[in-house]
Amino acid sequence: MLISRAPVRISFFGGGTDYPEYFLQHGGSVLATAIDKFSYVTASPFLSHLFDYSVRVSYRKVELVKTISEMEHRVFRECLKFCELDKDIELHNVADLPAFTGLGSSSAFTVSLLHALHSFKGEFVRPIDLAYEAIYVERHLVQDKVGCQDQLMAAVGGFNVVEFRTEEDIMVNRVPISPDRLAEFEAHIFIVFTGIKRKAANVVEKQLKRVGDNTEILKEMRKMVDKGWDILTSNQSLTAFGELLHQAWLAKRSLDTGISNAEIDEIYRLGIDAGALGGKLLGAGAGGFMLFFAPPEVHSQLQSVFINHQILSVKINAPGSQIIFS
């Protein structure tokens, strides 16, 4: 048996520019970090000729199938086909966080699954190639309307600026930040669950239809990636990062009316009133986790304000996909 894991991520700037529908024309980039919350896949061999099925997969349900084409779960099915495995394997998926919450958990699962399948076959795949494979599986085999940052962050981990040129030409630049600066930055992060789950595809579809109308806004959002990098790698106060994050949220919110709603706006207002410098809804929008950037001394006030909400504590700069047991 072997166990793989891949991290989810939080994205600060540039979200929306990581879709080929945008970056193939204009280029794209994001500033994001992997966090210490993971999607896990176990892969075990079994003697399928002794059973009346060839492959077993377990997630929210259990599927026992004789042929891969019978499998309902699209990502399990397409990854098994992609890796040319059709018998004698049992797979199980668990995760630290629920799906549909804006942290890229779907892509973390895809990356973790591909890593497990390659390792099951005795194959080594570079992290960047795991990301490219996950993008191909999700966009072209499963045919989901997804961006390309989640797969990169799940595969390579770390705290990065990721630049998108094509689906097979993506540059990862580690943020050159000292341990002390990183710790100071991490201490400002405060994440609240809105209580709303949503499928990103439902939100993204509307946004992609408006890419042409939103080109100038997306260009400004991409410029914030460079500004964020400059703040992090200089001696500037991190207050500037929080204020920039506030501007990024206003820009993101303006992309489509479905990104926010009255409930989300109220959560954001409460956080700002409690002392947060800025924040944003993580992921495509319409629900999931709200990130606030706030001085550590106001976190107790934020905890009081959000006493009826789930608060997520995280460590940033987490490692990318790994085989943690074999």
Foldseek 3Di string as FASTA:
>chain_A
DFKKKFFFKFWQFFPPCQFCLRCQPPWTKTWMATWDWIKMKDKDFDDCVVDPAFEWEEEVHIDGHNFLVVDPPQLVSLLCVVLVHTGRMYMYMDTRDDPQFQRLHVLRNSLRVNCNSCVVVVHDDQLLVSLLVSCCCVCPVVNFRDGRPRSSCRRFGFGWMWIDNDSNDIDTDHQPADPVLLVQQLLQKWKWFLPDGDDLSVLVVVLSVCCVVLVVLSVVRRVLNVVLSVCRNDPHDCLVSQQSSQVNQVSLCVSDVQQEDPSRVVLQVLVVVLAFSHWHRHHSHNGHMIITGGRNVSVVSNCVSVVVTDIDRIRTGDGHMDTPGD
